[in-house]
């Protein structure tokens, strides 16, 4: 029997956490092992429990969500954090992913998206809700991205695909049997060619090109 995905809920509103419990209680694959109402408590509980995924709000008293994510990921680079927030602006998504989160969905999204996002992240993938990373001009850059990526070398494409999936540079280096600096250089070249700066943007490009599930 497949083991359940153990999660911690981090939100300063008790009624929201209660809603999470009701929603996720219908999924046999997910188990809530702890709850926290602020970042400091979340950091402590993450050390005390074997947590697969932390579901976290950004707007909390004390440290706040972004700083909490950063500190958790500093302590454990393998930590898997899903942001579930009312903020759906691109700047929040980018900052959360840059801090170390592996996924982002808005509280306005369909209820089923939460469980789906948790499962994707538990499997080592990045999950960003459709529509949260839009080109600021409102225009589609799909054809431009296709042209750029088609011009990638085979090795560049491999590195792009794995980074977009959420792997760290160290993990990509291990996967492809390359040196850390080599992969880091490829990553810089790829971001420069695509004119992006964050992992969230790489993941979004991979999603809209159909190279990975969102």
C-alpha atoms as a PDB file:
ATOM      1  CA  UNK A   1       0.000   0.000   0.000  1.00  0.00           C
ATOM      2  CA  UNK A   2       1.348   3.404  -0.980  1.00  0.00           C
ATOM      3  CA  UNK A   3       2.223   5.576   2.025  1.00  0.00           C
ATOM      4  CA  UNK A   4       0.261   8.772   2.556  1.00  0.00           C
ATOM      5  CA  UNK A   5       1.673  12.199   1.797  1.00  0.00           C
ATOM      6  CA  UNK A   6       2.285  13.835   5.171  1.00  0.00           C
ATOM      7  CA  UNK A   7       1.604  17.561   5.207  1.00  0.00           C
ATOM      8  CA  UNK A   8       1.683  20.506   7.588  1.00  0.00           C
ATOM      9  CA  UNK A   9      -0.828  23.354   7.267  1.00  0.00           C
ATOM     10  CA  UNK A  10       0.512  26.848   7.931  1.00  0.00           C
ATOM     11  CA  UNK A  11      -2.060  29.653   8.082  1.00  0.00           C
ATOM     12  CA  UNK A  12      -2.809  32.189  10.800  1.00  0.00           C
ATOM     13  CA  UNK A  13      -6.586  31.790  10.423  1.00  0.00           C
ATOM     14  CA  UNK A  14      -8.028  28.802  12.288  1.00  0.00           C
ATOM     15  CA  UNK A  15     -11.135  28.784  10.090  1.00  0.00           C
ATOM     16  CA  UNK A  16      -8.965  28.474   6.968  1.00  0.00           C
ATOM     17  CA  UNK A  17      -7.047  25.554   8.459  1.00  0.00           C
ATOM     18  CA  UNK A  18     -10.365  23.920   9.347  1.00  0.00           C
ATOM     19  CA  UNK A  19     -11.418  24.311   5.721  1.00  0.00           C
ATOM     20  CA  UNK A  20      -8.154  22.700   4.611  1.00  0.00           C
ATOM     21  CA  UNK A  21      -8.800  19.767   6.939  1.00  0.00           C
ATOM     22  CA  UNK A  22     -12.304  19.225   5.572  1.00  0.00           C
ATOM     23  CA  UNK A  23     -11.149  19.490   1.972  1.00  0.00           C
ATOM     24  CA  UNK A  24      -8.104  17.263   2.291  1.00  0.00           C
ATOM     25  CA  UNK A  25      -9.874  14.814   4.588  1.00  0.00           C
ATOM     26  CA  UNK A  26     -11.638  13.430   1.522  1.00  0.00           C
ATOM     27  CA  UNK A  27      -8.310  12.358  -0.015  1.00  0.00           C
ATOM     28  CA  UNK A  28      -6.996   8.991   1.144  1.00  0.00           C
ATOM     29  CA  UNK A  29      -3.505   9.792  -0.137  1.00  0.00           C
ATOM     30  CA  UNK A  30      -2.969  12.825   2.129  1.00  0.00           C
ATOM     31  CA  UNK A  31      -2.508  13.017   5.907  1.00  0.00           C
ATOM     32  CA  UNK A  32      -2.275  16.238   7.942  1.00  0.00           C
ATOM     33  CA  UNK A  33       0.331  15.663  10.656  1.00  0.00           C
ATOM     34  CA  UNK A  34       0.636  19.188  12.091  1.00  0.00           C
ATOM     35  CA  UNK A  35      -0.698  22.743  11.929  1.00  0.00           C
ATOM     36  CA  UNK A  36       0.902  26.121  12.587  1.00  0.00           C
ATOM     37  CA  UNK A  37      -0.456  29.656  12.749  1.00  0.00           C
ATOM     38  CA  UNK A  38       2.838  31.495  12.226  1.00  0.00           C
ATOM     39  CA  UNK A  39       6.211  31.005  10.581  1.00  0.00           C
ATOM     40  CA  UNK A  40       8.254  30.453  13.726  1.00  0.00           C
ATOM     41  CA  UNK A  41       5.984  27.591  14.762  1.00  0.00           C
ATOM     42  CA  UNK A  42       6.107  26.104  11.261  1.00  0.00           C
ATOM     43  CA  UNK A  43       9.912  26.003  11.319  1.00  0.00           C
ATOM     44  CA  UNK A  44       9.858  24.167  14.651  1.00  0.00           C
ATOM     45  CA  UNK A  45       7.198  21.679  13.551  1.00  0.00           C
ATOM     46  CA  UNK A  46       9.047  20.947  10.310  1.00  0.00           C
ATOM     47  CA  UNK A  47      11.975  19.793  12.439  1.00  0.00           C
ATOM     48  CA  UNK A  48       9.792  17.671  14.719  1.00  0.00           C
ATOM     49  CA  UNK A  49       7.703  15.891  12.082  1.00  0.00           C
ATOM     50  CA  UNK A  50       8.503  13.900   8.950  1.00  0.00           C
ATOM     51  CA  UNK A  51       6.713  16.246   6.559  1.00  0.00           C
ATOM     52  CA  UNK A  52       6.485  15.615   2.815  1.00  0.00           C
ATOM     53  CA  UNK A  53       4.835  18.920   1.877  1.00  0.00           C
ATOM     54  CA  UNK A  54       4.136  22.143   3.771  1.00  0.00           C
ATOM     55  CA  UNK A  55       1.057  24.079   2.615  1.00  0.00           C
ATOM     56  CA  UNK A  56       1.680  27.694   3.567  1.00  0.00           C
ATOM     57  CA  UNK A  57       0.031  31.096   3.370  1.00  0.00           C
ATOM     58  CA  UNK A  58       2.184  34.171   2.756  1.00  0.00           C
ATOM     59  CA  UNK A  59       0.369  36.714   4.928  1.00  0.00           C
ATOM     60  CA  UNK A  60       1.098  35.774   8.537  1.00  0.00           C
ATOM     61  CA  UNK A  61       2.230  37.634  11.662  1.00  0.00           C
ATOM     62  CA  UNK A  62       5.821  37.318  12.787  1.00  0.00           C
ATOM     63  CA  UNK A  63       8.263  36.147  10.134  1.00  0.00           C
ATOM     64  CA  UNK A  64       5.735  36.105   7.318  1.00  0.00           C
ATOM     65  CA  UNK A  65       5.468  33.457   4.645  1.00  0.00           C
ATOM     66  CA  UNK A  66       8.371  34.421   2.387  1.00  0.00           C
ATOM     67  CA  UNK A  67      10.929  34.616   5.185  1.00  0.00           C
ATOM     68  CA  UNK A  68       9.597  31.371   6.662  1.00  0.00           C
ATOM     69  CA  UNK A  69      10.042  29.620   3.317  1.00  0.00           C
ATOM     70  CA  UNK A  70      13.572  30.974   3.002  1.00  0.00           C
ATOM     71  CA  UNK A  71      14.591  29.814   6.488  1.00  0.00           C
ATOM     72  CA  UNK A  72      13.056  26.360   6.086  1.00  0.00           C
ATOM     73  CA  UNK A  73      14.840  25.859   2.770  1.00  0.00           C
ATOM     74  CA  UNK A  74      18.113  27.099   4.247  1.00  0.00           C
ATOM     75  CA  UNK A  75      17.851  24.373   6.883  1.00  0.00           C
ATOM     76  CA  UNK A  76      16.661  21.721   4.432  1.00  0.00           C
ATOM     77  CA  UNK A  77      17.285  22.227   0.718  1.00  0.00           C
ATOM     78  CA  UNK A  78      14.954  19.293  -0.022  1.00  0.00           C
ATOM     79  CA  UNK A  79      11.965  20.874   1.744  1.00  0.00           C
ATOM     80  CA  UNK A  80       8.806  20.932  -0.381  1.00  0.00           C
ATOM     81  CA  UNK A  81       6.580  23.948   0.185  1.00  0.00           C
ATOM     82  CA  UNK A  82       3.327  24.815  -1.579  1.00  0.00           C
ATOM     83  CA  UNK A  83       2.113  28.391  -1.246  1.00  0.00           C
ATOM     84  CA  UNK A  84      -1.680  28.688  -1.019  1.00  0.00           C
ATOM     85  CA  UNK A  85      -2.390  32.409  -0.948  1.00  0.00           C
ATOM     86  CA  UNK A  86      -4.933  35.103  -1.757  1.00  0.00           C
ATOM     87  CA  UNK A  87      -2.154  36.945  -3.595  1.00  0.00           C
ATOM     88  CA  UNK A  88      -2.225  36.017  -7.275  1.00  0.00           C
ATOM     89  CA  UNK A  89       0.090  38.726  -8.609  1.00  0.00           C
ATOM     90  CA  UNK A  90       3.161  37.554 -10.499  1.00  0.00           C
ATOM     91  CA  UNK A  91       5.563  39.298  -8.134  1.00  0.00           C
ATOM     92  CA  UNK A  92       4.381  37.129  -5.232  1.00  0.00           C
ATOM     93  CA  UNK A  93       4.732  33.943  -7.266  1.00  0.00           C
ATOM     94  CA  UNK A  94       8.258  34.833  -8.353  1.00  0.00           C
ATOM     95  CA  UNK A  95       9.345  35.804  -4.843  1.00  0.00           C
ATOM     96  CA  UNK A  96       7.905  32.627  -3.322  1.00  0.00           C
ATOM     97  CA  UNK A  97       9.640  30.379  -5.850  1.00  0.00           C
ATOM     98  CA  UNK A  98      12.876  32.340  -5.446  1.00  0.00           C
ATOM     99  CA  UNK A  99      12.641  31.811  -1.673  1.00  0.00           C
ATOM    100  CA  UNK A 100      12.446  28.053  -2.237  1.00  0.00           C
ATOM    101  CA  UNK A 101       8.757  27.152  -2.644  1.00  0.00           C
ATOM    102  CA  UNK A 102       8.024  24.340  -5.084  1.00  0.00           C
ATOM    103  CA  UNK A 103       4.517  25.441  -5.979  1.00  0.00           C
ATOM    104  CA  UNK A 104       1.964  28.231  -5.869  1.00  0.00           C
ATOM    105  CA  UNK A 105      -1.819  28.266  -6.144  1.00  0.00           C
ATOM    106  CA  UNK A 106      -4.333  30.944  -5.234  1.00  0.00           C
ATOM    107  CA  UNK A 107      -7.111  30.532  -2.708  1.00  0.00           C
ATOM    108  CA  UNK A 108      -9.500  31.448  -5.512  1.00  0.00           C
ATOM    109  CA  UNK A 109      -8.618  28.304  -7.461  1.00  0.00           C
ATOM    110  CA  UNK A 110     -10.784  25.205  -7.677  1.00  0.00           C
ATOM    111  CA  UNK A 111     -10.695  23.115  -4.507  1.00  0.00           C
ATOM    112  CA  UNK A 112      -9.418  20.078  -6.411  1.00  0.00           C
ATOM    113  CA  UNK A 113      -6.278  22.007  -7.363  1.00  0.00           C
ATOM    114  CA  UNK A 114      -4.970  21.909  -3.793  1.00  0.00           C
ATOM    115  CA  UNK A 115      -4.764  18.117  -3.572  1.00  0.00           C
ATOM    116  CA  UNK A 116      -3.420  17.916  -7.126  1.00  0.00           C
ATOM    117  CA  UNK A 117      -0.718  20.458  -6.348  1.00  0.00           C
ATOM    118  CA  UNK A 118       0.281  18.606  -3.167  1.00  0.00           C
ATOM    119  CA  UNK A 119       0.628  15.342  -5.091  1.00  0.00           C
ATOM    120  CA  UNK A 120       2.727  16.940  -7.848  1.00  0.00           C
ATOM    121  CA  UNK A 121       5.070  18.567  -5.349  1.00  0.00           C
ATOM    122  CA  UNK A 122       5.368  15.398  -3.255  1.00  0.00           C
ATOM    123  CA  UNK A 123       6.521  13.683  -6.464  1.00  0.00           C
ATOM    124  CA  UNK A 124       9.329  16.206  -6.867  1.00  0.00           C
ATOM    125  CA  UNK A 125       7.654  18.426  -9.453  1.00  0.00           C
ATOM    126  CA  UNK A 126       6.891  22.132  -9.525  1.00  0.00           C
ATOM    127  CA  UNK A 127       3.219  23.103  -9.636  1.00  0.00           C
ATOM    128  CA  UNK A 128       2.126  26.612 -10.565  1.00  0.00           C
ATOM    129  CA  UNK A 129      -1.538  27.294 -11.136  1.00  0.00           C
ATOM    130  CA  UNK A 130      -2.579  28.231 -14.664  1.00  0.00           C
ATOM    131  CA  UNK A 131      -2.761  31.973 -15.169  1.00  0.00           C
ATOM    132  CA  UNK A 132      -0.518  32.983 -12.278  1.00  0.00           C
ATOM    133  CA  UNK A 133       2.494  33.587 -14.504  1.00  0.00           C
ATOM    134  CA  UNK A 134       1.330  35.720 -17.377  1.00  0.00           C
ATOM    135  CA  UNK A 135       3.387  37.747 -19.753  1.00  0.00           C
ATOM    136  CA  UNK A 136       2.989  41.327 -18.559  1.00  0.00           C
ATOM    137  CA  UNK A 137       2.136  42.550 -22.059  1.00  0.00           C
ATOM    138  CA  UNK A 138      -0.697  40.032 -22.256  1.00  0.00           C
ATOM    139  CA  UNK A 139       0.772  38.607 -25.474  1.00  0.00           C
ATOM    140  CA  UNK A 140       1.748  35.009 -26.025  1.00  0.00           C
ATOM    141  CA  UNK A 141       5.442  34.331 -26.455  1.00  0.00           C
ATOM    142  CA  UNK A 142       4.922  30.662 -27.261  1.00  0.00           C
ATOM    143  CA  UNK A 143       6.317  30.857 -30.788  1.00  0.00           C
ATOM    144  CA  UNK A 144       9.370  32.813 -29.625  1.00  0.00           C
ATOM    145  CA  UNK A 145      10.012  30.286 -26.869  1.00  0.00           C
ATOM    146  CA  UNK A 146       9.658  27.410 -29.338  1.00  0.00           C
ATOM    147  CA  UNK A 147      12.225  28.958 -31.654  1.00  0.00           C
ATOM    148  CA  UNK A 148      14.705  29.621 -28.861  1.00  0.00           C
ATOM    149  CA  UNK A 149      14.384  26.161 -27.324  1.00  0.00           C
ATOM    150  CA  UNK A 150      14.601  24.420 -30.691  1.00  0.00           C
ATOM    151  CA  UNK A 151      17.985  26.111 -31.088  1.00  0.00           C
ATOM    152  CA  UNK A 152      19.206  24.712 -27.745  1.00  0.00           C
ATOM    153  CA  UNK A 153      21.936  22.108 -27.854  1.00  0.00           C
ATOM    154  CA  UNK A 154      20.920  18.651 -26.617  1.00  0.00           C
ATOM    155  CA  UNK A 155      22.673  19.316 -23.314  1.00  0.00           C
ATOM    156  CA  UNK A 156      21.062  22.739 -22.895  1.00  0.00           C
ATOM    157  CA  UNK A 157      17.651  21.190 -23.438  1.00  0.00           C
ATOM    158  CA  UNK A 158      18.319  18.489 -20.827  1.00  0.00           C
ATOM    159  CA  UNK A 159      19.404  21.086 -18.275  1.00  0.00           C
ATOM    160  CA  UNK A 160      16.414  23.322 -19.081  1.00  0.00           C
ATOM    161  CA  UNK A 161      13.953  20.450 -18.692  1.00  0.00           C
ATOM    162  CA  UNK A 162      15.345  19.340 -15.330  1.00  0.00           C
ATOM    163  CA  UNK A 163      15.649  22.849 -13.897  1.00  0.00           C
ATOM    164  CA  UNK A 164      12.085  23.602 -15.000  1.00  0.00           C
ATOM    165  CA  UNK A 165      10.958  20.435 -13.244  1.00  0.00           C
ATOM    166  CA  UNK A 166      12.276  21.864  -9.988  1.00  0.00           C
ATOM    167  CA  UNK A 167      15.636  20.132  -9.609  1.00  0.00           C
ATOM    168  CA  UNK A 168      18.480  22.008  -7.955  1.00  0.00           C
ATOM    169  CA  UNK A 169      21.720  22.605  -9.838  1.00  0.00           C
ATOM    170  CA  UNK A 170      23.361  19.918  -7.684  1.00  0.00           C
ATOM    171  CA  UNK A 171      20.643  17.391  -8.581  1.00  0.00           C
ATOM    172  CA  UNK A 172      20.846  18.206 -12.283  1.00  0.00           C
ATOM    173  CA  UNK A 173      24.615  17.773 -12.145  1.00  0.00           C
ATOM    174  CA  UNK A 174      24.178  14.332 -10.563  1.00  0.00           C
ATOM    175  CA  UNK A 175      21.454  13.336 -13.016  1.00  0.00           C
ATOM    176  CA  UNK A 176      23.488  14.317 -16.087  1.00  0.00           C
ATOM    177  CA  UNK A 177      26.907  13.364 -14.664  1.00  0.00           C
ATOM    178  CA  UNK A 178      28.187  16.903 -15.097  1.00  0.00           C
ATOM    179  CA  UNK A 179      30.084  19.252 -12.822  1.00  0.00           C
ATOM    180  CA  UNK A 180      28.200  21.758 -10.687  1.00  0.00           C
ATOM    181  CA  UNK A 181      29.830  24.751 -12.403  1.00  0.00           C
ATOM    182  CA  UNK A 182      29.044  23.335 -15.832  1.00  0.00           C
ATOM    183  CA  UNK A 183      25.345  23.014 -15.002  1.00  0.00           C
ATOM    184  CA  UNK A 184      25.318  26.451 -13.353  1.00  0.00           C
ATOM    185  CA  UNK A 185      26.803  27.944 -16.527  1.00  0.00           C
ATOM    186  CA  UNK A 186      24.224  26.162 -18.677  1.00  0.00           C
ATOM    187  CA  UNK A 187      21.504  27.519 -16.403  1.00  0.00           C
ATOM    188  CA  UNK A 188      22.777  31.072 -16.832  1.00  0.00           C
ATOM    189  CA  UNK A 189      22.953  30.670 -20.619  1.00  0.00           C
ATOM    190  CA  UNK A 190      19.417  29.263 -20.735  1.00  0.00           C
ATOM    191  CA  UNK A 191      17.943  32.075 -18.633  1.00  0.00           C
ATOM    192  CA  UNK A 192      19.749  34.669 -20.733  1.00  0.00           C
ATOM    193  CA  UNK A 193      18.470  33.175 -23.982  1.00  0.00           C
ATOM    194  CA  UNK A 194      14.899  33.024 -22.688  1.00  0.00           C
ATOM    195  CA  UNK A 195      15.244  36.453 -21.036  1.00  0.00           C
ATOM    196  CA  UNK A 196      14.032  35.218 -17.659  1.00  0.00           C
ATOM    197  CA  UNK A 197      15.631  35.277 -14.234  1.00  0.00           C
ATOM    198  CA  UNK A 198      13.691  32.896 -12.012  1.00  0.00           C
ATOM    199  CA  UNK A 199      12.938  29.204 -11.700  1.00  0.00           C
ATOM    200  CA  UNK A 200       9.236  30.043 -11.708  1.00  0.00           C
ATOM    201  CA  UNK A 201       9.542  31.582 -15.171  1.00  0.00           C
ATOM    202  CA  UNK A 202      11.451  28.573 -16.511  1.00  0.00           C
ATOM    203  CA  UNK A 203       8.756  26.282 -15.140  1.00  0.00           C
ATOM    204  CA  UNK A 204       6.030  28.417 -16.699  1.00  0.00           C
ATOM    205  CA  UNK A 205       7.683  28.305 -20.121  1.00  0.00           C
ATOM    206  CA  UNK A 206       7.946  24.518 -19.878  1.00  0.00           C
ATOM    207  CA  UNK A 207       4.256  24.336 -18.946  1.00  0.00           C
ATOM    208  CA  UNK A 208       2.959  26.496 -21.800  1.00  0.00           C
ATOM    209  CA  UNK A 209       5.110  24.565 -24.276  1.00  0.00           C
ATOM    210  CA  UNK A 210       3.644  21.294 -23.019  1.00  0.00           C
ATOM    211  CA  UNK A 211       6.997  19.997 -21.780  1.00  0.00           C
ATOM    212  CA  UNK A 212       5.669  19.327 -18.289  1.00  0.00           C
ATOM    213  CA  UNK A 213       2.370  19.298 -16.451  1.00  0.00           C
ATOM    214  CA  UNK A 214       1.427  22.379 -14.482  1.00  0.00           C
END
